């Protein structure tokens, strides 16, 4: 078996977070683990990940990574010809993991099947990024957007939950967060009088590192759609409640110890 494994991981924040359990398992199987990903995600990893060599995926410009010789290569796209290109570059073995399965087991479990690896049952319940859990119930963090409008719950649901939180807690606070892809959610949210409430804040973190820092400092509970911030919050050990509209919760639920998921169109969700 080769001593080095190289992961090529594009995609969004949620894709990055869901790759971390695979990297942890690779550590126990290989002497050297290399990850090519979006440069902004490297800062999310603390010193416990110092063993991982992180490189900028964009610098490859579609070419095979240098120093591929005798390495295992794992990609998350199914482009024809990629397997042969990696072999010609010297890779000892190449695995292509389907990036967007619509059904079946959890994404991480399906990836393990492709790689032929086994893992313990607690793999999907780790605080994979850190521990920001404070064991308190003061601030509800709501992220009402996602990478696609069709994945979002009606804004009225989040507004109602914010009202309930403030009404039930004397010093309760609500933080609404919005990302660069949440223009429609931003416009809808700002139409509500609730946004002027002194216990409600709207923030737009400029970077994923800032998002992580703000979640770690302020969030006691997270509520949102299937989105990157939800995966990040779960990876920080926060209690998260994630709702699914288009995507399958069985495939895409976050990795974390305090995760609850609901399907918006299911019979059970209608009574919540």
C-alpha atoms as a PDB file:
ATOM      1  CA  UNK A   1       0.000   0.000   0.000  1.00  0.00           C
ATOM      2  CA  UNK A   2       1.185   3.530  -0.740  1.00  0.00           C
ATOM      3  CA  UNK A   3       2.321   5.673   2.183  1.00  0.00           C
ATOM      4  CA  UNK A   4       0.710   8.893   0.931  1.00  0.00           C
ATOM      5  CA  UNK A   5      -2.908   9.800   0.184  1.00  0.00           C
ATOM      6  CA  UNK A   6      -4.052  12.935  -1.635  1.00  0.00           C
ATOM      7  CA  UNK A   7      -7.629  14.257  -1.409  1.00  0.00           C
ATOM      8  CA  UNK A   8      -8.948  16.698  -4.018  1.00  0.00           C
ATOM      9  CA  UNK A   9     -11.990  18.397  -2.510  1.00  0.00           C
ATOM     10  CA  UNK A  10     -13.827  21.263  -4.177  1.00  0.00           C
ATOM     11  CA  UNK A  11     -17.350  22.375  -3.327  1.00  0.00           C
ATOM     12  CA  UNK A  12     -18.806  24.457  -0.533  1.00  0.00           C
ATOM     13  CA  UNK A  13     -18.343  24.718   3.207  1.00  0.00           C
ATOM     14  CA  UNK A  14     -20.610  21.758   3.975  1.00  0.00           C
ATOM     15  CA  UNK A  15     -18.709  19.577   1.509  1.00  0.00           C
ATOM     16  CA  UNK A  16     -15.449  20.473   3.239  1.00  0.00           C
ATOM     17  CA  UNK A  17     -16.759  19.683   6.721  1.00  0.00           C
ATOM     18  CA  UNK A  18     -18.166  16.316   5.615  1.00  0.00           C
ATOM     19  CA  UNK A  19     -14.757  15.376   4.228  1.00  0.00           C
ATOM     20  CA  UNK A  20     -13.021  15.771   7.605  1.00  0.00           C
ATOM     21  CA  UNK A  21     -14.048  12.352   9.016  1.00  0.00           C
ATOM     22  CA  UNK A  22     -12.477  10.702   5.969  1.00  0.00           C
ATOM     23  CA  UNK A  23      -9.262  12.613   6.539  1.00  0.00           C
ATOM     24  CA  UNK A  24      -9.160  11.473  10.147  1.00  0.00           C
ATOM     25  CA  UNK A  25      -9.495   7.860   9.079  1.00  0.00           C
ATOM     26  CA  UNK A  26      -6.805   8.346   6.430  1.00  0.00           C
ATOM     27  CA  UNK A  27      -4.414   9.434   9.174  1.00  0.00           C
ATOM     28  CA  UNK A  28      -4.521   5.949  10.686  1.00  0.00           C
ATOM     29  CA  UNK A  29      -3.871   4.306   7.307  1.00  0.00           C
ATOM     30  CA  UNK A  30      -1.236   6.518   5.699  1.00  0.00           C
ATOM     31  CA  UNK A  31       1.958   8.194   6.806  1.00  0.00           C
ATOM     32  CA  UNK A  32       1.167  11.369   4.872  1.00  0.00           C
ATOM     33  CA  UNK A  33      -2.246  12.929   4.226  1.00  0.00           C
ATOM     34  CA  UNK A  34      -2.597  15.848   1.788  1.00  0.00           C
ATOM     35  CA  UNK A  35      -5.759  17.847   1.129  1.00  0.00           C
ATOM     36  CA  UNK A  36      -6.284  20.158  -1.837  1.00  0.00           C
ATOM     37  CA  UNK A  37      -9.282  22.378  -1.093  1.00  0.00           C
ATOM     38  CA  UNK A  38     -10.434  26.011  -1.223  1.00  0.00           C
ATOM     39  CA  UNK A  39      -7.840  28.190   0.493  1.00  0.00           C
ATOM     40  CA  UNK A  40     -10.337  29.843   2.845  1.00  0.00           C
ATOM     41  CA  UNK A  41     -11.166  26.561   4.572  1.00  0.00           C
ATOM     42  CA  UNK A  42      -7.646  25.875   5.855  1.00  0.00           C
ATOM     43  CA  UNK A  43      -8.119  28.412   8.667  1.00  0.00           C
ATOM     44  CA  UNK A  44     -11.030  26.447  10.129  1.00  0.00           C
ATOM     45  CA  UNK A  45      -8.711  23.703  11.379  1.00  0.00           C
ATOM     46  CA  UNK A  46      -7.041  24.044  14.765  1.00  0.00           C
ATOM     47  CA  UNK A  47      -3.685  22.712  15.956  1.00  0.00           C
ATOM     48  CA  UNK A  48      -5.096  19.203  16.324  1.00  0.00           C
ATOM     49  CA  UNK A  49      -5.017  19.028  12.521  1.00  0.00           C
ATOM     50  CA  UNK A  50      -1.341  19.955  12.248  1.00  0.00           C
ATOM     51  CA  UNK A  51      -0.626  16.508  10.776  1.00  0.00           C
ATOM     52  CA  UNK A  52      -2.711  17.380   7.685  1.00  0.00           C
ATOM     53  CA  UNK A  53      -0.980  19.117   4.780  1.00  0.00           C
ATOM     54  CA  UNK A  54      -3.488  21.552   3.261  1.00  0.00           C
ATOM     55  CA  UNK A  55      -2.951  23.064  -0.190  1.00  0.00           C
ATOM     56  CA  UNK A  56      -4.908  25.430  -2.436  1.00  0.00           C
ATOM     57  CA  UNK A  57      -6.973  23.480  -4.965  1.00  0.00           C
ATOM     58  CA  UNK A  58      -7.209  26.465  -7.313  1.00  0.00           C
ATOM     59  CA  UNK A  59      -3.452  26.425  -7.849  1.00  0.00           C
ATOM     60  CA  UNK A  60      -3.739  23.131  -9.720  1.00  0.00           C
ATOM     61  CA  UNK A  61      -5.756  24.749 -12.527  1.00  0.00           C
ATOM     62  CA  UNK A  62      -7.166  21.358 -13.490  1.00  0.00           C
ATOM     63  CA  UNK A  63      -3.778  19.639 -13.622  1.00  0.00           C
ATOM     64  CA  UNK A  64      -2.748  16.618 -11.536  1.00  0.00           C
ATOM     65  CA  UNK A  65      -1.053  17.531  -8.246  1.00  0.00           C
ATOM     66  CA  UNK A  66       2.744  17.487  -8.227  1.00  0.00           C
ATOM     67  CA  UNK A  67       4.454  14.644  -6.405  1.00  0.00           C
ATOM     68  CA  UNK A  68       1.630  12.193  -7.148  1.00  0.00           C
ATOM     69  CA  UNK A  69       4.051   9.315  -7.651  1.00  0.00           C
ATOM     70  CA  UNK A  70       3.057   6.158  -5.773  1.00  0.00           C
ATOM     71  CA  UNK A  71       0.229   7.966  -3.953  1.00  0.00           C
ATOM     72  CA  UNK A  72      -3.414   7.082  -3.462  1.00  0.00           C
ATOM     73  CA  UNK A  73      -5.574   9.836  -4.956  1.00  0.00           C
ATOM     74  CA  UNK A  74      -9.175  10.531  -3.917  1.00  0.00           C
ATOM     75  CA  UNK A  75     -11.345  12.972  -5.848  1.00  0.00           C
ATOM     76  CA  UNK A  76     -14.975  14.025  -5.490  1.00  0.00           C
ATOM     77  CA  UNK A  77     -15.893  14.365  -9.137  1.00  0.00           C
ATOM     78  CA  UNK A  78     -16.681  11.794 -11.792  1.00  0.00           C
ATOM     79  CA  UNK A  79     -15.078  13.331 -14.888  1.00  0.00           C
ATOM     80  CA  UNK A  80     -14.211  10.850 -17.597  1.00  0.00           C
ATOM     81  CA  UNK A  81     -10.522  10.447 -18.146  1.00  0.00           C
ATOM     82  CA  UNK A  82      -9.562  11.645 -14.672  1.00  0.00           C
ATOM     83  CA  UNK A  83      -8.669   8.143 -13.474  1.00  0.00           C
ATOM     84  CA  UNK A  84      -6.299   7.553 -16.373  1.00  0.00           C
ATOM     85  CA  UNK A  85      -4.759  11.004 -16.008  1.00  0.00           C
ATOM     86  CA  UNK A  86      -3.887  10.335 -12.362  1.00  0.00           C
ATOM     87  CA  UNK A  87      -2.441   6.920 -13.183  1.00  0.00           C
ATOM     88  CA  UNK A  88      -0.277   8.445 -15.908  1.00  0.00           C
ATOM     89  CA  UNK A  89       0.907  11.024 -13.353  1.00  0.00           C
ATOM     90  CA  UNK A  90       2.148   8.149 -11.195  1.00  0.00           C
ATOM     91  CA  UNK A  91      -0.699   7.467  -8.746  1.00  0.00           C
ATOM     92  CA  UNK A  92      -0.747   3.920  -7.427  1.00  0.00           C
ATOM     93  CA  UNK A  93      -4.557   3.933  -7.065  1.00  0.00           C
ATOM     94  CA  UNK A  94      -7.386   6.377  -7.744  1.00  0.00           C
ATOM     95  CA  UNK A  95     -10.839   6.634  -6.166  1.00  0.00           C
ATOM     96  CA  UNK A  96     -13.694   8.833  -7.388  1.00  0.00           C
ATOM     97  CA  UNK A  97     -16.385   9.457  -4.758  1.00  0.00           C
ATOM     98  CA  UNK A  98     -19.783  10.589  -6.112  1.00  0.00           C
ATOM     99  CA  UNK A  99     -20.150  14.171  -4.850  1.00  0.00           C
ATOM    100  CA  UNK A 100     -23.950  14.456  -4.818  1.00  0.00           C
ATOM    101  CA  UNK A 101     -25.712  11.182  -3.976  1.00  0.00           C
ATOM    102  CA  UNK A 102     -29.466  11.748  -3.746  1.00  0.00           C
ATOM    103  CA  UNK A 103     -30.284   8.665  -1.701  1.00  0.00           C
ATOM    104  CA  UNK A 104     -28.802   5.815   0.292  1.00  0.00           C
ATOM    105  CA  UNK A 105     -26.799   5.994   3.504  1.00  0.00           C
ATOM    106  CA  UNK A 106     -24.968   8.995   4.843  1.00  0.00           C
ATOM    107  CA  UNK A 107     -22.497  10.642   2.474  1.00  0.00           C
ATOM    108  CA  UNK A 108     -19.537   9.689   4.681  1.00  0.00           C
ATOM    109  CA  UNK A 109     -20.723   6.078   4.867  1.00  0.00           C
ATOM    110  CA  UNK A 110     -21.094   5.920   1.091  1.00  0.00           C
ATOM    111  CA  UNK A 111     -17.591   7.364   0.674  1.00  0.00           C
ATOM    112  CA  UNK A 112     -16.205   4.713   3.021  1.00  0.00           C
ATOM    113  CA  UNK A 113     -17.794   2.077   0.815  1.00  0.00           C
ATOM    114  CA  UNK A 114     -15.982   3.432  -2.242  1.00  0.00           C
ATOM    115  CA  UNK A 115     -12.676   3.478  -0.376  1.00  0.00           C
ATOM    116  CA  UNK A 116     -13.222   0.066   1.181  1.00  0.00           C
ATOM    117  CA  UNK A 117     -12.670   1.416   4.698  1.00  0.00           C
ATOM    118  CA  UNK A 118     -14.485   0.552   7.909  1.00  0.00           C
ATOM    119  CA  UNK A 119     -15.159   2.899  10.803  1.00  0.00           C
ATOM    120  CA  UNK A 120     -16.719   2.867  14.258  1.00  0.00           C
ATOM    121  CA  UNK A 121     -20.356   3.836  14.757  1.00  0.00           C
ATOM    122  CA  UNK A 122     -19.424   7.086  16.498  1.00  0.00           C
ATOM    123  CA  UNK A 123     -17.736   8.510  13.384  1.00  0.00           C
ATOM    124  CA  UNK A 124     -20.758  10.688  12.582  1.00  0.00           C
ATOM    125  CA  UNK A 125     -21.095  12.034  16.127  1.00  0.00           C
ATOM    126  CA  UNK A 126     -17.753  13.791  16.567  1.00  0.00           C
ATOM    127  CA  UNK A 127     -16.981  17.417  17.360  1.00  0.00           C
ATOM    128  CA  UNK A 128     -14.921  17.305  14.206  1.00  0.00           C
ATOM    129  CA  UNK A 129     -13.791  20.959  14.233  1.00  0.00           C
ATOM    130  CA  UNK A 130     -13.715  21.874  17.930  1.00  0.00           C
ATOM    131  CA  UNK A 131     -15.821  22.344  21.039  1.00  0.00           C
ATOM    132  CA  UNK A 132     -17.913  25.512  21.262  1.00  0.00           C
ATOM    133  CA  UNK A 133     -20.733  24.019  23.348  1.00  0.00           C
ATOM    134  CA  UNK A 134     -21.483  26.130  26.430  1.00  0.00           C
ATOM    135  CA  UNK A 135     -24.404  24.152  27.914  1.00  0.00           C
ATOM    136  CA  UNK A 136     -26.611  27.237  28.121  1.00  0.00           C
ATOM    137  CA  UNK A 137     -29.756  28.484  26.402  1.00  0.00           C
ATOM    138  CA  UNK A 138     -29.375  32.216  25.855  1.00  0.00           C
ATOM    139  CA  UNK A 139     -28.683  32.897  22.172  1.00  0.00           C
ATOM    140  CA  UNK A 140     -30.438  31.223  19.264  1.00  0.00           C
ATOM    141  CA  UNK A 141     -28.463  31.479  16.029  1.00  0.00           C
ATOM    142  CA  UNK A 142     -30.630  31.280  12.904  1.00  0.00           C
ATOM    143  CA  UNK A 143     -29.247  30.922   9.396  1.00  0.00           C
ATOM    144  CA  UNK A 144     -32.309  31.208   7.092  1.00  0.00           C
ATOM    145  CA  UNK A 145     -30.408  30.810   3.815  1.00  0.00           C
ATOM    146  CA  UNK A 146     -28.396  28.158   2.000  1.00  0.00           C
ATOM    147  CA  UNK A 147     -26.581  27.651  -1.270  1.00  0.00           C
ATOM    148  CA  UNK A 148     -29.894  27.271  -3.144  1.00  0.00           C
ATOM    149  CA  UNK A 149     -33.220  29.013  -2.628  1.00  0.00           C
ATOM    150  CA  UNK A 150     -35.102  25.751  -3.125  1.00  0.00           C
ATOM    151  CA  UNK A 151     -33.461  24.325   0.014  1.00  0.00           C
ATOM    152  CA  UNK A 152     -34.845  27.070   2.245  1.00  0.00           C
ATOM    153  CA  UNK A 153     -37.824  26.911   4.578  1.00  0.00           C
ATOM    154  CA  UNK A 154     -40.362  29.748   4.416  1.00  0.00           C
ATOM    155  CA  UNK A 155     -38.967  32.790   6.219  1.00  0.00           C
ATOM    156  CA  UNK A 156     -42.103  32.925   8.353  1.00  0.00           C
ATOM    157  CA  UNK A 157     -41.025  29.734  10.103  1.00  0.00           C
ATOM    158  CA  UNK A 158     -37.742  31.255  11.267  1.00  0.00           C
ATOM    159  CA  UNK A 159     -39.479  34.473  12.309  1.00  0.00           C
ATOM    160  CA  UNK A 160     -41.969  32.494  14.407  1.00  0.00           C
ATOM    161  CA  UNK A 161     -39.176  30.526  16.065  1.00  0.00           C
ATOM    162  CA  UNK A 162     -37.344  33.764  16.870  1.00  0.00           C
ATOM    163  CA  UNK A 163     -40.488  35.221  18.483  1.00  0.00           C
ATOM    164  CA  UNK A 164     -40.937  32.049  20.540  1.00  0.00           C
ATOM    165  CA  UNK A 165     -37.333  32.103  21.723  1.00  0.00           C
ATOM    166  CA  UNK A 166     -37.457  35.730  22.869  1.00  0.00           C
ATOM    167  CA  UNK A 167     -40.855  35.291  24.534  1.00  0.00           C
ATOM    168  CA  UNK A 168     -39.764  32.224  26.490  1.00  0.00           C
ATOM    169  CA  UNK A 169     -36.459  33.610  27.795  1.00  0.00           C
ATOM    170  CA  UNK A 170     -36.054  36.759  29.834  1.00  0.00           C
ATOM    171  CA  UNK A 171     -32.622  37.502  28.427  1.00  0.00           C
ATOM    172  CA  UNK A 172     -32.938  35.504  25.240  1.00  0.00           C
ATOM    173  CA  UNK A 173     -31.235  36.771  22.121  1.00  0.00           C
ATOM    174  CA  UNK A 174     -31.515  35.847  18.453  1.00  0.00           C
ATOM    175  CA  UNK A 175     -28.803  36.232  15.845  1.00  0.00           C
ATOM    176  CA  UNK A 176     -29.709  35.936  12.165  1.00  0.00           C
ATOM    177  CA  UNK A 177     -26.716  35.235   9.935  1.00  0.00           C
ATOM    178  CA  UNK A 178     -26.561  35.632   6.170  1.00  0.00           C
ATOM    179  CA  UNK A 179     -23.978  34.601   3.597  1.00  0.00           C
ATOM    180  CA  UNK A 180     -22.932  35.872   0.196  1.00  0.00           C
ATOM    181  CA  UNK A 181     -25.460  33.585  -1.551  1.00  0.00           C
ATOM    182  CA  UNK A 182     -28.392  34.704   0.617  1.00  0.00           C
ATOM    183  CA  UNK A 183     -29.491  37.849  -1.184  1.00  0.00           C
ATOM    184  CA  UNK A 184     -33.144  36.756  -1.456  1.00  0.00           C
ATOM    185  CA  UNK A 185     -33.264  35.632   2.179  1.00  0.00           C
ATOM    186  CA  UNK A 186     -31.707  38.950   3.201  1.00  0.00           C
ATOM    187  CA  UNK A 187     -34.357  40.964   1.375  1.00  0.00           C
ATOM    188  CA  UNK A 188     -37.174  38.912   2.900  1.00  0.00           C
ATOM    189  CA  UNK A 189     -35.791  39.038   6.408  1.00  0.00           C
ATOM    190  CA  UNK A 190     -35.388  42.794   6.474  1.00  0.00           C
ATOM    191  CA  UNK A 191     -39.101  43.231   5.761  1.00  0.00           C
ATOM    192  CA  UNK A 192     -40.004  41.973   9.229  1.00  0.00           C
ATOM    193  CA  UNK A 193     -40.403  44.351  12.191  1.00  0.00           C
ATOM    194  CA  UNK A 194     -38.747  41.704  14.357  1.00  0.00           C
ATOM    195  CA  UNK A 195     -35.394  42.718  12.888  1.00  0.00           C
ATOM    196  CA  UNK A 196     -35.680  46.005  14.797  1.00  0.00           C
ATOM    197  CA  UNK A 197     -36.136  44.246  18.144  1.00  0.00           C
ATOM    198  CA  UNK A 198     -33.328  45.100  20.609  1.00  0.00           C
ATOM    199  CA  UNK A 199     -32.734  41.401  21.297  1.00  0.00           C
ATOM    200  CA  UNK A 200     -32.325  40.547  17.601  1.00  0.00           C
ATOM    201  CA  UNK A 201     -29.150  41.017  15.563  1.00  0.00           C
ATOM    202  CA  UNK A 202     -28.336  40.531  11.882  1.00  0.00           C
ATOM    203  CA  UNK A 203     -24.762  39.690  10.952  1.00  0.00           C
ATOM    204  CA  UNK A 204     -23.018  38.914   7.679  1.00  0.00           C
ATOM    205  CA  UNK A 205     -19.617  37.329   8.382  1.00  0.00           C
ATOM    206  CA  UNK A 206     -17.128  38.272   5.694  1.00  0.00           C
ATOM    207  CA  UNK A 207     -15.173  34.998   5.869  1.00  0.00           C
ATOM    208  CA  UNK A 208     -15.750  31.437   7.028  1.00  0.00           C
ATOM    209  CA  UNK A 209     -13.125  32.034   9.727  1.00  0.00           C
ATOM    210  CA  UNK A 210     -15.171  34.957  11.048  1.00  0.00           C
ATOM    211  CA  UNK A 211     -18.292  32.786  10.914  1.00  0.00           C
ATOM    212  CA  UNK A 212     -16.552  30.114  12.974  1.00  0.00           C
ATOM    213  CA  UNK A 213     -15.348  32.665  15.522  1.00  0.00           C
ATOM    214  CA  UNK A 214     -18.780  34.247  15.906  1.00  0.00           C
ATOM    215  CA  UNK A 215     -20.500  30.873  16.280  1.00  0.00           C
ATOM    216  CA  UNK A 216     -17.953  29.823  18.883  1.00  0.00           C
ATOM    217  CA  UNK A 217     -18.408  33.035  20.885  1.00  0.00           C
ATOM    218  CA  UNK A 218     -22.141  33.604  20.730  1.00  0.00           C
ATOM    219  CA  UNK A 219     -24.233  30.636  19.563  1.00  0.00           C
ATOM    220  CA  UNK A 220     -25.932  28.405  22.133  1.00  0.00           C
ATOM    221  CA  UNK A 221     -28.229  26.697  19.640  1.00  0.00           C
ATOM    222  CA  UNK A 222     -28.306  26.712  15.842  1.00  0.00           C
ATOM    223  CA  UNK A 223     -31.386  26.582  13.605  1.00  0.00           C
ATOM    224  CA  UNK A 224     -31.306  26.518   9.824  1.00  0.00           C
ATOM    225  CA  UNK A 225     -31.627  24.799   6.477  1.00  0.00           C
ATOM    226  CA  UNK A 226     -29.246  22.275   4.955  1.00  0.00           C
ATOM    227  CA  UNK A 227     -26.292  24.653   4.613  1.00  0.00           C
ATOM    228  CA  UNK A 228     -22.576  25.049   5.189  1.00  0.00           C
ATOM    229  CA  UNK A 229     -23.030  27.088   8.397  1.00  0.00           C
ATOM    230  CA  UNK A 230     -25.187  24.282   9.790  1.00  0.00           C
ATOM    231  CA  UNK A 231     -22.435  21.744   9.155  1.00  0.00           C
ATOM    232  CA  UNK A 232     -19.886  24.082  10.706  1.00  0.00           C
ATOM    233  CA  UNK A 233     -22.020  24.611  13.824  1.00  0.00           C
ATOM    234  CA  UNK A 234     -22.502  20.858  14.226  1.00  0.00           C
ATOM    235  CA  UNK A 235     -18.779  20.278  13.805  1.00  0.00           C
ATOM    236  CA  UNK A 236     -18.190  22.736  16.657  1.00  0.00           C
ATOM    237  CA  UNK A 237     -20.328  20.586  18.933  1.00  0.00           C
ATOM    238  CA  UNK A 238     -23.245  23.043  19.085  1.00  0.00           C
ATOM    239  CA  UNK A 239     -26.844  21.782  19.341  1.00  0.00           C
ATOM    240  CA  UNK A 240     -28.202  22.144  15.814  1.00  0.00           C
ATOM    241  CA  UNK A 241     -31.648  21.755  14.308  1.00  0.00           C
ATOM    242  CA  UNK A 242     -31.489  21.375  10.545  1.00  0.00           C
ATOM    243  CA  UNK A 243     -34.481  21.277   8.201  1.00  0.00           C
ATOM    244  CA  UNK A 244     -34.461  19.564   4.809  1.00  0.00           C
ATOM    245  CA  UNK A 245     -36.661  20.549   1.879  1.00  0.00           C
ATOM    246  CA  UNK A 246     -35.003  19.192  -1.283  1.00  0.00           C
ATOM    247  CA  UNK A 247     -32.040  17.171  -0.067  1.00  0.00           C
ATOM    248  CA  UNK A 248     -32.202  13.891   1.872  1.00  0.00           C
ATOM    249  CA  UNK A 249     -31.499  14.200   5.590  1.00  0.00           C
ATOM    250  CA  UNK A 250     -30.386  10.562   5.683  1.00  0.00           C
ATOM    251  CA  UNK A 251     -27.580  11.399   3.251  1.00  0.00           C
ATOM    252  CA  UNK A 252     -26.636  14.938   4.223  1.00  0.00           C
ATOM    253  CA  UNK A 253     -27.188  15.338   7.948  1.00  0.00           C
ATOM    254  CA  UNK A 254     -24.290  17.099   9.704  1.00  0.00           C
ATOM    255  CA  UNK A 255     -21.581  15.307  11.644  1.00  0.00           C
ATOM    256  CA  UNK A 256     -21.781  16.224  15.311  1.00  0.00           C
ATOM    257  CA  UNK A 257     -22.838  15.079  18.787  1.00  0.00           C
ATOM    258  CA  UNK A 258     -25.944  17.283  19.116  1.00  0.00           C
ATOM    259  CA  UNK A 259     -27.709  17.089  15.764  1.00  0.00           C
ATOM    260  CA  UNK A 260     -31.455  16.986  15.127  1.00  0.00           C
ATOM    261  CA  UNK A 261     -32.825  16.852  11.595  1.00  0.00           C
ATOM    262  CA  UNK A 262     -36.328  17.210  10.197  1.00  0.00           C
ATOM    263  CA  UNK A 263     -37.877  16.836   6.751  1.00  0.00           C
ATOM    264  CA  UNK A 264     -40.133  19.796   6.016  1.00  0.00           C
ATOM    265  CA  UNK A 265     -42.652  17.896   3.906  1.00  0.00           C
ATOM    266  CA  UNK A 266     -42.905  14.853   6.203  1.00  0.00           C
ATOM    267  CA  UNK A 267     -46.051  14.190   8.220  1.00  0.00           C
ATOM    268  CA  UNK A 268     -44.126  14.480  11.482  1.00  0.00           C
ATOM    269  CA  UNK A 269     -42.775  17.927  10.638  1.00  0.00           C
ATOM    270  CA  UNK A 270     -46.270  19.334  10.285  1.00  0.00           C
ATOM    271  CA  UNK A 271     -46.976  18.922  13.997  1.00  0.00           C
ATOM    272  CA  UNK A 272     -43.740  20.528  15.259  1.00  0.00           C
END
